[in-house]
Amino acid sequence: INELSDKSSSKILNETSKKVEMLSKQIYSQIQSYDEIVELLKTNETKLQNIPAIQPILNKDLTKVASGFGYRIDPVYHTRKMHTGMDFTAPIGTDIFATGNGVVTFAGWKQGYGNTIIIDHGFGYETLYAHLKKIKVRERQKISRADIIGSVGNTGKSTGPHLHYEVIFKGQHVDPLNFYFLDLSPEEYDKMIQL
């Protein structure tokens, strides 16, 4: 109080004004920081919804996982060749599910793959679904995780009814097995590996 009585009203007003201005700048900076955090959270939530994270065929419909990711003897050419996805054996007509949100970039016939769907999930991720009997989506269509996009078939270079499923990240094929984390219990995951 003594300090205030020694200063003139104009000096007090001037100092108060400077402190208010400084606080305003700090508040503005803090708000910008919170806005950035909110935007980051929204982006991460979208990314979690888009990343392929479920199996494309329900376990109850799965006869077996015919072939996993990696080198194998090609069933048609009988030579050692890289298999860039997973093969899910199931009866013809079994529903195939989109494994993450995205946009269909291809829906049609692809040499070797037969009836094929490719979905762009953003964030560098794409999925490919091949050998389908029926395609139930069209190009540029927005897709949500677990939407039915087609049915198991035996088209293209196929030796029996199955779904060939690929996950591609930034142009490189990756093992789809690493992405089934949202819908499988440890027991179901173990059963899928055993199949």
C-alpha atoms as a PDB file:
ATOM      1  CA  ILE A   1       0.000   0.000   0.000  1.00  0.00           C
ATOM      2  CA  ASN A   2       2.928   2.329   0.754  1.00  0.00           C
ATOM      3  CA  GLU A   3       4.296   1.513  -2.664  1.00  0.00           C
ATOM      4  CA  LEU A   4       1.001   2.515  -4.280  1.00  0.00           C
ATOM      5  CA  SER A   5       0.779   5.751  -2.321  1.00  0.00           C
ATOM      6  CA  ASP A   6       4.251   6.762  -3.559  1.00  0.00           C
ATOM      7  CA  LYS A   7       3.253   6.397  -7.219  1.00  0.00           C
ATOM      8  CA  SER A   8       1.049   8.636  -9.203  1.00  0.00           C
ATOM      9  CA  SER A   9      -2.216   7.368 -10.633  1.00  0.00           C
ATOM     10  CA  SER A  10      -0.879   7.506 -14.175  1.00  0.00           C
ATOM     11  CA  LYS A  11       2.154   5.359 -13.286  1.00  0.00           C
ATOM     12  CA  ILE A  12      -0.083   2.776 -11.587  1.00  0.00           C
ATOM     13  CA  LEU A  13      -2.406   2.738 -14.587  1.00  0.00           C
ATOM     14  CA  ASN A  14       0.539   2.404 -16.973  1.00  0.00           C
ATOM     15  CA  GLU A  15       2.096  -0.522 -15.045  1.00  0.00           C
ATOM     16  CA  THR A  16      -1.273  -2.248 -14.704  1.00  0.00           C
ATOM     17  CA  SER A  17      -1.863  -1.845 -18.420  1.00  0.00           C
ATOM     18  CA  LYS A  18       1.537  -3.413 -19.191  1.00  0.00           C
ATOM     19  CA  LYS A  19       0.827  -6.355 -16.865  1.00  0.00           C
ATOM     20  CA  VAL A  20      -2.626  -6.895 -18.427  1.00  0.00           C
ATOM     21  CA  GLU A  21      -1.053  -6.822 -21.901  1.00  0.00           C
ATOM     22  CA  MET A  22       1.598  -9.348 -20.816  1.00  0.00           C
ATOM     23  CA  LEU A  23      -1.099 -11.614 -19.315  1.00  0.00           C
ATOM     24  CA  SER A  24      -3.180 -11.299 -22.511  1.00  0.00           C
ATOM     25  CA  LYS A  25      -0.206 -12.478 -24.579  1.00  0.00           C
ATOM     26  CA  GLN A  26       0.372 -15.418 -22.227  1.00  0.00           C
ATOM     27  CA  ILE A  27      -3.326 -16.375 -22.373  1.00  0.00           C
ATOM     28  CA  TYR A  28      -3.300 -16.149 -26.182  1.00  0.00           C
ATOM     29  CA  SER A  29      -0.202 -18.343 -26.312  1.00  0.00           C
ATOM     30  CA  GLN A  30      -1.808 -20.849 -23.935  1.00  0.00           C
ATOM     31  CA  ILE A  31      -4.997 -20.984 -26.037  1.00  0.00           C
ATOM     32  CA  GLN A  32      -2.929 -21.645 -29.177  1.00  0.00           C
ATOM     33  CA  SER A  33      -1.191 -24.475 -27.353  1.00  0.00           C
ATOM     34  CA  TYR A  34      -4.531 -26.007 -26.283  1.00  0.00           C
ATOM     35  CA  ASP A  35      -5.863 -25.685 -29.841  1.00  0.00           C
ATOM     36  CA  GLU A  36      -2.818 -27.597 -31.099  1.00  0.00           C
ATOM     37  CA  ILE A  37      -3.399 -30.340 -28.504  1.00  0.00           C
ATOM     38  CA  VAL A  38      -7.092 -30.631 -29.460  1.00  0.00           C
ATOM     39  CA  GLU A  39      -6.152 -30.851 -33.159  1.00  0.00           C
ATOM     40  CA  LEU A  40      -3.532 -33.515 -32.400  1.00  0.00           C
ATOM     41  CA  LEU A  41      -6.115 -35.558 -30.470  1.00  0.00           C
ATOM     42  CA  LYS A  42      -8.604 -35.298 -33.350  1.00  0.00           C
ATOM     43  CA  THR A  43      -5.929 -36.423 -35.819  1.00  0.00           C
ATOM     44  CA  ASN A  44      -4.955 -39.376 -33.628  1.00  0.00           C
ATOM     45  CA  GLU A  45      -8.605 -40.398 -33.193  1.00  0.00           C
ATOM     46  CA  THR A  46      -9.085 -40.323 -36.973  1.00  0.00           C
ATOM     47  CA  LYS A  47      -5.861 -42.274 -37.466  1.00  0.00           C
ATOM     48  CA  LEU A  48      -7.020 -44.970 -35.017  1.00  0.00           C
ATOM     49  CA  GLN A  49     -10.313 -45.322 -36.898  1.00  0.00           C
ATOM     50  CA  ASN A  50      -8.581 -45.511 -40.286  1.00  0.00           C
ATOM     51  CA  ILE A  51      -5.684 -47.874 -39.614  1.00  0.00           C
ATOM     52  CA  PRO A  52      -6.578 -51.444 -40.660  1.00  0.00           C
ATOM     53  CA  ALA A  53      -7.255 -53.076 -37.299  1.00  0.00           C
ATOM     54  CA  ILE A  54      -9.697 -55.962 -37.661  1.00  0.00           C
ATOM     55  CA  GLN A  55      -9.779 -59.256 -39.499  1.00  0.00           C
ATOM     56  CA  PRO A  56     -11.491 -59.015 -42.928  1.00  0.00           C
ATOM     57  CA  ILE A  57     -13.417 -62.269 -42.308  1.00  0.00           C
ATOM     58  CA  LEU A  58     -15.098 -63.321 -39.067  1.00  0.00           C
ATOM     59  CA  ASN A  59     -13.449 -66.218 -37.227  1.00  0.00           C
ATOM     60  CA  LYS A  60     -16.739 -68.161 -37.285  1.00  0.00           C
ATOM     61  CA  ASP A  61     -16.648 -68.114 -41.124  1.00  0.00           C
ATOM     62  CA  LEU A  62     -12.960 -68.952 -41.390  1.00  0.00           C
ATOM     63  CA  THR A  63     -12.077 -72.449 -42.561  1.00  0.00           C
ATOM     64  CA  LYS A  64      -8.357 -71.783 -42.219  1.00  0.00           C
ATOM     65  CA  VAL A  65      -5.609 -69.270 -42.881  1.00  0.00           C
ATOM     66  CA  ALA A  66      -4.312 -70.943 -46.020  1.00  0.00           C
ATOM     67  CA  SER A  67      -1.160 -68.940 -46.385  1.00  0.00           C
ATOM     68  CA  GLY A  68       0.550 -66.231 -44.390  1.00  0.00           C
ATOM     69  CA  PHE A  69       2.838 -63.359 -45.291  1.00  0.00           C
ATOM     70  CA  GLY A  70       6.324 -64.222 -46.535  1.00  0.00           C
ATOM     71  CA  TYR A  71       8.105 -66.536 -48.944  1.00  0.00           C
ATOM     72  CA  ARG A  72       6.307 -69.715 -50.018  1.00  0.00           C
ATOM     73  CA  ILE A  73       6.041 -72.150 -52.886  1.00  0.00           C
ATOM     74  CA  ASP A  74       3.560 -70.615 -55.343  1.00  0.00           C
ATOM     75  CA  PRO A  75       0.575 -73.009 -55.682  1.00  0.00           C
ATOM     76  CA  VAL A  76       0.273 -72.397 -59.456  1.00  0.00           C
ATOM     77  CA  TYR A  77       3.883 -71.960 -60.646  1.00  0.00           C
ATOM     78  CA  HIS A  78       5.521 -74.184 -57.985  1.00  0.00           C
ATOM     79  CA  THR A  79       8.404 -71.744 -57.502  1.00  0.00           C
ATOM     80  CA  ARG A  80       9.556 -69.931 -54.372  1.00  0.00           C
ATOM     81  CA  LYS A  81       7.860 -66.543 -54.353  1.00  0.00           C
ATOM     82  CA  MET A  82       7.042 -63.730 -51.917  1.00  0.00           C
ATOM     83  CA  HIS A  83       3.425 -63.839 -50.734  1.00  0.00           C
ATOM     84  CA  THR A  84       2.559 -60.221 -49.931  1.00  0.00           C
ATOM     85  CA  GLY A  85      -0.572 -60.862 -47.879  1.00  0.00           C
ATOM     86  CA  MET A  86      -2.656 -63.456 -46.055  1.00  0.00           C
ATOM     87  CA  ASP A  87      -5.092 -65.945 -47.544  1.00  0.00           C
ATOM     88  CA  PHE A  88      -8.298 -66.624 -45.607  1.00  0.00           C
ATOM     89  CA  THR A  89     -10.098 -69.760 -46.755  1.00  0.00           C
ATOM     90  CA  ALA A  90     -13.875 -69.493 -46.399  1.00  0.00           C
ATOM     91  CA  PRO A  91     -16.962 -70.621 -48.335  1.00  0.00           C
ATOM     92  CA  ILE A  92     -17.856 -68.730 -51.517  1.00  0.00           C
ATOM     93  CA  GLY A  93     -20.154 -65.824 -50.681  1.00  0.00           C
ATOM     94  CA  THR A  94     -18.761 -65.244 -47.152  1.00  0.00           C
ATOM     95  CA  ASP A  95     -18.892 -61.547 -46.204  1.00  0.00           C
ATOM     96  CA  ILE A  96     -15.670 -59.526 -46.376  1.00  0.00           C
ATOM     97  CA  PHE A  97     -15.319 -56.515 -44.059  1.00  0.00           C
ATOM     98  CA  ALA A  98     -13.358 -53.284 -44.491  1.00  0.00           C
ATOM     99  CA  THR A  99     -10.631 -53.335 -41.860  1.00  0.00           C
ATOM    100  CA  GLY A 100     -10.559 -49.552 -41.330  1.00  0.00           C
ATOM    101  CA  ASN A 101     -12.210 -46.327 -42.467  1.00  0.00           C
ATOM    102  CA  GLY A 102     -11.148 -45.058 -45.867  1.00  0.00           C
ATOM    103  CA  VAL A 103     -11.996 -44.423 -49.498  1.00  0.00           C
ATOM    104  CA  VAL A 104     -12.218 -47.061 -52.244  1.00  0.00           C
ATOM    105  CA  THR A 105      -9.564 -46.279 -54.861  1.00  0.00           C
ATOM    106  CA  PHE A 106     -10.085 -49.399 -56.984  1.00  0.00           C
ATOM    107  CA  ALA A 107     -13.022 -51.785 -57.442  1.00  0.00           C
ATOM    108  CA  GLY A 108     -12.772 -54.090 -60.426  1.00  0.00           C
ATOM    109  CA  TRP A 109     -10.764 -56.780 -62.193  1.00  0.00           C
ATOM    110  CA  LYS A 110      -7.007 -56.896 -61.600  1.00  0.00           C
ATOM    111  CA  GLN A 111      -4.707 -59.312 -63.443  1.00  0.00           C
ATOM    112  CA  GLY A 112      -3.876 -62.282 -61.200  1.00  0.00           C
ATOM    113  CA  TYR A 113      -6.052 -60.963 -58.370  1.00  0.00           C
ATOM    114  CA  GLY A 114      -9.430 -61.298 -60.102  1.00  0.00           C
ATOM    115  CA  ASN A 115     -12.180 -59.153 -58.598  1.00  0.00           C
ATOM    116  CA  THR A 116     -10.291 -56.743 -56.353  1.00  0.00           C
ATOM    117  CA  ILE A 117     -10.926 -53.835 -53.995  1.00  0.00           C
ATOM    118  CA  ILE A 118      -8.274 -51.372 -52.825  1.00  0.00           C
ATOM    119  CA  ILE A 119      -9.018 -48.968 -49.973  1.00  0.00           C
ATOM    120  CA  ASP A 120      -6.916 -45.922 -49.109  1.00  0.00           C
ATOM    121  CA  HIS A 121      -7.048 -45.426 -45.336  1.00  0.00           C
ATOM    122  CA  GLY A 122      -4.915 -42.274 -45.276  1.00  0.00           C
ATOM    123  CA  PHE A 123      -1.808 -41.876 -43.127  1.00  0.00           C
ATOM    124  CA  GLY A 124       0.108 -43.991 -45.692  1.00  0.00           C
ATOM    125  CA  TYR A 125      -2.081 -47.128 -45.316  1.00  0.00           C
ATOM    126  CA  GLU A 126      -3.875 -49.098 -48.046  1.00  0.00           C
ATOM    127  CA  THR A 127      -5.552 -52.502 -48.020  1.00  0.00           C
ATOM    128  CA  LEU A 128      -6.197 -54.867 -50.920  1.00  0.00           C
ATOM    129  CA  TYR A 129      -8.896 -57.570 -51.042  1.00  0.00           C
ATOM    130  CA  ALA A 130      -8.642 -60.068 -53.932  1.00  0.00           C
ATOM    131  CA  HIS A 131     -10.298 -63.094 -55.596  1.00  0.00           C
ATOM    132  CA  LEU A 132     -13.776 -61.793 -54.677  1.00  0.00           C
ATOM    133  CA  LYS A 133     -16.967 -63.304 -56.019  1.00  0.00           C
ATOM    134  CA  LYS A 134     -18.840 -60.037 -55.646  1.00  0.00           C
ATOM    135  CA  ILE A 135     -17.734 -56.421 -55.201  1.00  0.00           C
ATOM    136  CA  LYS A 136     -20.266 -54.442 -53.159  1.00  0.00           C
ATOM    137  CA  VAL A 137     -18.602 -51.001 -53.297  1.00  0.00           C
ATOM    138  CA  ARG A 138     -17.624 -48.496 -55.985  1.00  0.00           C
ATOM    139  CA  GLU A 139     -14.572 -46.302 -56.538  1.00  0.00           C
ATOM    140  CA  ARG A 140     -14.455 -43.054 -54.498  1.00  0.00           C
ATOM    141  CA  GLN A 141     -16.969 -44.495 -52.001  1.00  0.00           C
ATOM    142  CA  LYS A 142     -16.265 -43.691 -48.338  1.00  0.00           C
ATOM    143  CA  ILE A 143     -16.020 -46.820 -46.212  1.00  0.00           C
ATOM    144  CA  SER A 144     -16.225 -47.369 -42.460  1.00  0.00           C
ATOM    145  CA  ARG A 145     -14.496 -50.127 -40.529  1.00  0.00           C
ATOM    146  CA  ALA A 146     -16.625 -53.317 -40.533  1.00  0.00           C
ATOM    147  CA  ASP A 147     -18.674 -52.321 -43.619  1.00  0.00           C
ATOM    148  CA  ILE A 148     -19.348 -55.316 -45.865  1.00  0.00           C
ATOM    149  CA  ILE A 149     -17.433 -54.567 -49.068  1.00  0.00           C
ATOM    150  CA  GLY A 150     -17.627 -57.864 -50.955  1.00  0.00           C
ATOM    151  CA  SER A 151     -17.806 -61.625 -50.727  1.00  0.00           C
ATOM    152  CA  VAL A 152     -15.288 -64.459 -50.905  1.00  0.00           C
ATOM    153  CA  GLY A 153     -14.787 -65.924 -54.348  1.00  0.00           C
ATOM    154  CA  ASN A 154     -12.364 -67.839 -56.556  1.00  0.00           C
ATOM    155  CA  THR A 155     -11.510 -65.331 -59.301  1.00  0.00           C
ATOM    156  CA  GLY A 156      -8.129 -64.573 -60.847  1.00  0.00           C
ATOM    157  CA  LYS A 157      -5.106 -66.770 -60.136  1.00  0.00           C
ATOM    158  CA  SER A 158      -6.781 -68.759 -57.386  1.00  0.00           C
ATOM    159  CA  THR A 159      -6.744 -72.481 -56.598  1.00  0.00           C
ATOM    160  CA  GLY A 160      -9.864 -72.434 -54.388  1.00  0.00           C
ATOM    161  CA  PRO A 161     -12.302 -70.086 -52.632  1.00  0.00           C
ATOM    162  CA  HIS A 162     -10.444 -67.647 -50.406  1.00  0.00           C
ATOM    163  CA  LEU A 163      -9.740 -63.986 -49.694  1.00  0.00           C
ATOM    164  CA  HIS A 164      -6.253 -62.700 -50.418  1.00  0.00           C
ATOM    165  CA  TYR A 165      -5.743 -59.697 -48.102  1.00  0.00           C
ATOM    166  CA  GLU A 166      -2.840 -57.225 -48.123  1.00  0.00           C
ATOM    167  CA  VAL A 167      -1.814 -54.270 -45.968  1.00  0.00           C
ATOM    168  CA  ILE A 168       0.432 -51.708 -47.656  1.00  0.00           C
ATOM    169  CA  PHE A 169       2.155 -48.923 -45.710  1.00  0.00           C
ATOM    170  CA  LYS A 170       3.831 -46.133 -47.683  1.00  0.00           C
ATOM    171  CA  GLY A 171       4.111 -48.408 -50.720  1.00  0.00           C
ATOM    172  CA  GLN A 172       5.613 -51.370 -48.824  1.00  0.00           C
ATOM    173  CA  HIS A 173       3.733 -54.601 -48.090  1.00  0.00           C
ATOM    174  CA  VAL A 174       3.585 -55.407 -44.382  1.00  0.00           C
ATOM    175  CA  ASP A 175       2.383 -58.497 -42.534  1.00  0.00           C
ATOM    176  CA  PRO A 176      -1.393 -58.117 -41.930  1.00  0.00           C
ATOM    177  CA  LEU A 177      -1.017 -60.244 -38.796  1.00  0.00           C
ATOM    178  CA  ASN A 178       0.371 -57.177 -37.020  1.00  0.00           C
ATOM    179  CA  PHE A 179      -2.926 -55.288 -37.399  1.00  0.00           C
ATOM    180  CA  TYR A 180      -5.637 -57.501 -35.839  1.00  0.00           C
ATOM    181  CA  PHE A 181      -5.789 -55.777 -32.485  1.00  0.00           C
ATOM    182  CA  LEU A 182      -9.291 -54.319 -32.181  1.00  0.00           C
ATOM    183  CA  ASP A 183     -11.670 -57.229 -32.508  1.00  0.00           C
ATOM    184  CA  LEU A 184      -9.870 -60.364 -31.338  1.00  0.00           C
ATOM    185  CA  SER A 185      -9.498 -61.639 -27.807  1.00  0.00           C
ATOM    186  CA  PRO A 186      -6.186 -63.381 -27.035  1.00  0.00           C
ATOM    187  CA  GLU A 187      -7.975 -66.744 -27.441  1.00  0.00           C
ATOM    188  CA  GLU A 188      -9.463 -65.774 -30.842  1.00  0.00           C
ATOM    189  CA  TYR A 189      -6.080 -64.450 -32.001  1.00  0.00           C
ATOM    190  CA  ASP A 190      -4.452 -67.722 -30.937  1.00  0.00           C
ATOM    191  CA  LYS A 191      -7.145 -69.705 -32.807  1.00  0.00           C
ATOM    192  CA  MET A 192      -6.538 -67.670 -35.967  1.00  0.00           C
ATOM    193  CA  ILE A 193      -2.777 -68.344 -35.725  1.00  0.00           C
ATOM    194  CA  GLN A 194      -3.458 -72.082 -35.247  1.00  0.00           C
ATOM    195  CA  LEU A 195      -5.752 -72.144 -38.304  1.00  0.00           C
END
